[in-house]
Amino acid sequence: MSTHIGAQPGQIAPTVLLPGDPLRAKWIAETFLEDATCYSEVRGMFGFTGTWNGQPVSVQGSGMGQPSMAIYVNELYNEYDVQQIIRVGSCGALTADIAIRDVVIASGACTDSSMNRHRFLGLDYAPVADFDLLRAAVDAARAREDITTHVGLIYSSDSFYNPRAAELGKPLVDHGVLAVEMEASSLYTLAASYQRKALAICTVSDHIVTGEETTAAEREQTFGAMVEVALAAALG
């Protein structure tokens, strides 16, 4: 039994969807999974296991930011032998070419976090998605007519309210970064460390350029397309 999840051996499936919001985890389990049961409520960070098309899958909240998410990812990979984790989160669009509710599939993740600098002794490690999951997710997303999908780099920031956001944003966009969120870089690094699979799929909830944004309720309960893409990529 792990410190922060507290599930018994065998209660967590080899495939885990990882939203930051624990209430989104609950909504995903209730909306998309059959026979979902709650295996953890530790610190209010809900975890559920059920089935999708007859295959076992778990959904685990991870909190906001790379330090919080890394706790759950380490325990999932190390203590529950999880094989693949797909982050299903929200992001902010950095370019006018992307609209609210578009889906961004992250091929790689830049970051301003010091976590990788400590791990790699000051070197700039380039965290990338698992290629098979990436390809499957892109195929699943582009087969749908109800969503617009973008594939490329995202930026995992350690600060939600960054006083240098405008200053940092331009060079990132100039070099192809599509959106900003707070978790993917660490997820990809930890997956590589454990030799497991990981992918981040995010729905655009806020637009840094236009100022548009969705509500908290919408972010919690209406981003279903990315969940369906994630399930199809992992288990389809």
Protein backbone atom coordinates (compact mmCIF):
# COMPACT_ATOMS: atom_id res chain seq x y z
CA MET A 1 0.00 0.00 0.00
CA SER A 2 1.54 3.30 -1.09
CA THR A 3 1.76 6.43 1.05
CA HIS A 4 -0.39 8.79 -1.02
CA ILE A 5 -2.69 6.43 -2.92
CA GLY A 6 -3.28 3.70 -0.37
CA ALA A 7 -4.76 1.14 -2.76
CA GLN A 8 -4.34 -2.57 -2.18
CA PRO A 9 -2.28 -4.66 -4.63
CA GLY A 10 -4.34 -5.49 -7.71
CA GLN A 11 -6.81 -2.62 -7.30
CA ILE A 12 -5.18 -0.42 -9.97
CA ALA A 13 -5.24 -1.38 -13.65
CA PRO A 14 -2.14 -1.44 -15.90
CA THR A 15 -3.59 1.57 -17.77
CA VAL A 16 -4.29 4.79 -15.85
CA LEU A 17 -5.89 8.04 -16.97
CA LEU A 18 -4.45 10.92 -14.94
CA PRO A 19 -6.46 14.14 -14.63
CA GLY A 20 -5.17 16.76 -12.25
CA ASP A 21 -8.63 17.47 -10.85
CA PRO A 22 -9.89 14.67 -8.57
CA LEU A 23 -13.48 15.64 -9.38
CA ARG A 24 -12.71 15.17 -13.06
CA ALA A 25 -11.42 11.71 -12.14
CA LYS A 26 -14.77 10.98 -10.50
CA TRP A 27 -16.67 12.32 -13.50
CA ILE A 28 -14.59 10.24 -15.92
CA ALA A 29 -15.16 7.07 -13.91
CA GLU A 30 -18.91 7.66 -13.66
CA THR A 31 -19.28 8.69 -17.32
CA PHE A 32 -16.98 6.40 -19.26
CA LEU A 33 -16.25 3.31 -17.17
CA GLU A 34 -18.41 0.32 -16.33
CA ASP A 35 -18.55 -1.09 -12.79
CA ALA A 36 -16.22 1.61 -11.50
CA THR A 37 -15.23 1.32 -7.85
CA CYS A 38 -13.31 3.83 -5.75
CA TYR A 39 -9.99 2.47 -4.48
CA SER A 40 -8.69 5.69 -2.91
CA GLU A 41 -9.90 8.90 -1.30
CA VAL A 42 -6.59 9.75 0.39
CA ARG A 43 -6.29 13.55 0.69
CA GLY A 44 -9.43 13.82 -1.45
CA MET A 45 -7.47 12.65 -4.51
CA PHE A 46 -9.95 10.13 -5.88
CA GLY A 47 -8.92 6.97 -7.70
CA PHE A 48 -11.28 4.57 -9.49
CA THR A 49 -10.96 1.31 -11.41
CA GLY A 50 -13.52 -0.02 -13.87
CA THR A 51 -13.65 -1.33 -17.42
CA TRP A 52 -13.91 0.20 -20.87
CA ASN A 53 -14.96 -2.14 -23.68
CA GLY A 54 -14.28 -4.99 -21.27
CA GLN A 55 -10.72 -3.91 -20.50
CA PRO A 56 -9.57 -2.74 -17.05
CA VAL A 57 -8.63 0.91 -16.66
CA SER A 58 -8.09 3.21 -13.70
CA VAL A 59 -8.54 6.96 -13.27
CA GLN A 60 -6.43 8.76 -10.67
CA GLY A 61 -6.41 12.42 -9.67
CA SER A 62 -2.92 13.89 -9.39
CA GLY A 63 -3.30 17.50 -8.23
CA MET A 64 -1.83 20.59 -9.87
CA GLY A 65 1.80 20.98 -10.85
CA GLN A 66 4.74 18.70 -11.44
CA PRO A 67 5.70 18.07 -7.77
CA SER A 68 2.20 16.83 -6.90
CA MET A 69 1.80 14.81 -10.07
CA ALA A 70 5.23 13.22 -9.66
CA ILE A 71 4.18 11.75 -6.31
CA TYR A 72 1.30 9.87 -7.91
CA VAL A 73 3.21 8.85 -11.03
CA ASN A 74 6.10 7.45 -9.00
CA GLU A 75 3.74 5.41 -6.85
CA LEU A 76 1.68 4.19 -9.81
CA TYR A 77 4.72 3.00 -11.76
CA ASN A 78 6.80 1.78 -8.84
CA GLU A 79 4.30 0.33 -6.37
CA TYR A 80 1.37 -0.72 -8.58
CA ASP A 81 3.26 -1.79 -11.72
CA VAL A 82 1.24 0.50 -13.97
CA GLN A 83 2.38 0.19 -17.57
CA GLN A 84 0.94 3.29 -19.23
CA ILE A 85 -0.33 6.64 -17.99
CA ILE A 86 -2.22 9.16 -20.08
CA ARG A 87 -2.65 12.64 -18.67
CA VAL A 88 -6.08 14.03 -19.56
CA GLY A 89 -5.88 17.66 -18.54
CA SER A 90 -6.47 21.25 -19.51
CA CYS A 91 -4.10 23.75 -21.08
CA GLY A 92 -3.86 27.34 -22.20
CA ALA A 93 -3.42 28.10 -25.89
CA LEU A 94 -0.35 30.19 -26.72
CA THR A 95 -1.15 30.88 -30.38
CA ALA A 96 -4.12 32.30 -32.26
CA ASP A 97 -4.10 29.20 -34.48
CA ILE A 98 -5.61 27.20 -31.59
CA ALA A 99 -9.13 27.70 -30.27
CA ILE A 100 -10.90 27.05 -26.98
CA ARG A 101 -11.88 23.35 -26.69
CA ASP A 102 -9.35 22.24 -29.30
CA VAL A 103 -7.37 19.16 -28.26
CA VAL A 104 -3.58 19.31 -27.98
CA ILE A 105 -1.59 16.06 -28.03
CA ALA A 106 1.89 16.67 -26.67
CA SER A 107 4.74 15.08 -28.59
CA GLY A 108 7.19 16.66 -26.14
CA ALA A 109 7.19 19.02 -23.18
CA CYS A 110 9.40 22.03 -22.48
CA THR A 111 9.60 23.32 -18.92
CA ASP A 112 10.89 25.99 -16.57
CA SER A 113 10.90 23.51 -13.68
CA SER A 114 14.09 22.71 -11.82
CA MET A 115 13.07 19.06 -11.32
CA ASN A 116 14.85 17.80 -14.42
CA ARG A 117 17.82 20.09 -13.86
CA HIS A 118 18.38 18.40 -10.50
CA ARG A 119 17.87 14.93 -11.98
CA PHE A 120 20.26 15.50 -14.90
CA LEU A 121 22.86 17.62 -13.08
CA GLY A 122 22.10 20.79 -15.00
CA LEU A 123 21.71 19.23 -18.45
CA ASP A 124 18.66 19.99 -20.60
CA TYR A 125 16.85 16.66 -20.96
CA ALA A 126 14.13 16.59 -23.65
CA PRO A 127 11.04 14.74 -22.31
CA VAL A 128 8.93 13.15 -25.06
CA ALA A 129 5.79 11.04 -25.32
CA ASP A 130 5.72 7.33 -25.96
CA PHE A 131 5.59 7.03 -29.75
CA ASP A 132 3.05 4.21 -29.94
CA LEU A 133 0.60 6.02 -27.65
CA LEU A 134 1.21 9.27 -29.53
CA ARG A 135 0.53 7.69 -32.90
CA ALA A 136 -2.58 5.88 -31.65
CA ALA A 137 -3.96 9.05 -30.08
CA VAL A 138 -3.36 11.13 -33.21
CA ASP A 139 -5.07 8.47 -35.34
CA ALA A 140 -8.04 8.28 -32.95
CA ALA A 141 -8.41 12.05 -32.73
CA ARG A 142 -8.13 12.71 -36.46
CA ALA A 143 -10.74 10.05 -37.19
CA ARG A 144 -13.29 12.24 -35.39
CA GLU A 145 -15.11 15.17 -36.98
CA ASP A 146 -16.23 16.75 -33.70
CA ILE A 147 -12.83 17.97 -32.50
CA THR A 148 -9.88 19.93 -33.86
CA THR A 149 -6.56 18.37 -32.92
CA HIS A 150 -3.07 19.84 -32.74
CA VAL A 151 0.11 17.80 -32.24
CA GLY A 152 3.39 19.26 -31.03
CA LEU A 153 5.28 20.76 -28.13
CA ILE A 154 3.71 22.06 -24.95
CA TYR A 155 5.23 24.02 -22.08
CA SER A 156 4.98 22.68 -18.51
CA SER A 157 5.21 25.68 -16.23
CA ASP A 158 5.80 25.66 -12.49
CA SER A 159 3.78 28.89 -12.14
CA PHE A 160 0.11 29.38 -12.95
CA TYR A 161 0.34 33.12 -12.32
CA ASN A 162 3.68 33.84 -13.93
CA PRO A 163 4.71 37.53 -13.92
CA ARG A 164 6.97 36.82 -16.92
CA ALA A 165 4.32 35.00 -18.97
CA ALA A 166 4.30 37.45 -21.88
CA GLU A 167 8.09 37.67 -21.96
CA LEU A 168 8.49 33.89 -22.00
CA GLY A 169 5.60 33.19 -24.34
CA LYS A 170 6.98 34.76 -27.52
CA PRO A 171 10.20 32.73 -27.87
CA LEU A 172 8.27 29.56 -27.02
CA VAL A 173 5.67 30.24 -29.71
CA ASP A 174 8.42 31.23 -32.16
CA HIS A 175 9.86 27.76 -31.66
CA GLY A 176 6.62 25.87 -32.14
CA VAL A 177 5.23 25.51 -28.62
CA LEU A 178 1.43 25.26 -28.80
CA ALA A 179 0.11 25.51 -25.26
CA VAL A 180 0.99 25.77 -21.58
CA GLU A 181 0.08 23.40 -18.74
CA MET A 182 1.81 22.24 -15.55
CA GLU A 183 2.50 18.49 -15.59
CA ALA A 184 3.59 16.78 -18.81
CA SER A 185 7.35 17.32 -18.64
CA SER A 186 7.71 15.45 -15.37
CA LEU A 187 5.31 12.73 -16.48
CA TYR A 188 7.37 12.03 -19.60
CA THR A 189 10.63 12.04 -17.65
CA LEU A 190 9.35 9.60 -15.04
CA ALA A 191 7.94 7.29 -17.70
CA ALA A 192 11.36 7.17 -19.33
CA SER A 193 12.98 6.50 -15.95
CA TYR A 194 10.69 3.53 -15.28
CA GLN A 195 10.75 2.41 -18.94
CA ARG A 196 6.97 2.72 -19.14
CA LYS A 197 4.59 4.54 -21.48
CA ALA A 198 3.14 8.03 -21.06
CA LEU A 199 1.21 10.60 -23.07
CA ALA A 200 -0.42 13.97 -22.34
CA ILE A 201 -3.67 14.93 -24.05
CA CYS A 202 -5.08 18.32 -23.08
CA THR A 203 -8.20 20.30 -23.94
CA VAL A 204 -7.75 24.05 -24.33
CA SER A 205 -9.55 25.60 -21.39
CA ASP A 206 -8.04 29.10 -21.56
CA HIS A 207 -6.60 31.25 -24.33
CA ILE A 208 -3.54 33.30 -23.45
CA VAL A 209 -3.87 35.42 -26.62
CA THR A 210 -7.61 36.17 -26.69
CA GLY A 211 -8.40 35.94 -22.98
CA GLU A 212 -11.21 33.43 -23.53
CA GLU A 213 -11.74 30.84 -20.82
CA THR A 214 -14.04 28.04 -19.74
CA THR A 215 -15.67 27.74 -16.33
CA ALA A 216 -14.52 25.42 -13.54
CA ALA A 217 -17.60 23.26 -14.09
CA GLU A 218 -16.90 23.01 -17.81
CA ARG A 219 -13.30 22.01 -17.16
CA GLU A 220 -14.48 19.34 -14.74
CA GLN A 221 -17.31 17.79 -16.74
CA THR A 222 -17.32 18.66 -20.44
CA PHE A 223 -13.93 17.66 -21.81
CA GLY A 224 -15.12 14.20 -22.82
CA ALA A 225 -13.61 14.05 -26.31
CA MET A 226 -10.04 13.89 -25.02
CA VAL A 227 -11.03 11.12 -22.62
CA GLU A 228 -12.46 9.07 -25.47
CA VAL A 229 -9.29 9.67 -27.50
CA ALA A 230 -7.15 8.61 -24.55
CA LEU A 231 -9.12 5.41 -24.00
CA ALA A 232 -8.99 4.55 -27.70
CA ALA A 233 -5.24 5.19 -27.82
CA ALA A 234 -4.48 3.09 -24.75
CA LEU A 235 -6.98 0.29 -25.16
CA GLY A 236 -8.56 0.57 -28.59
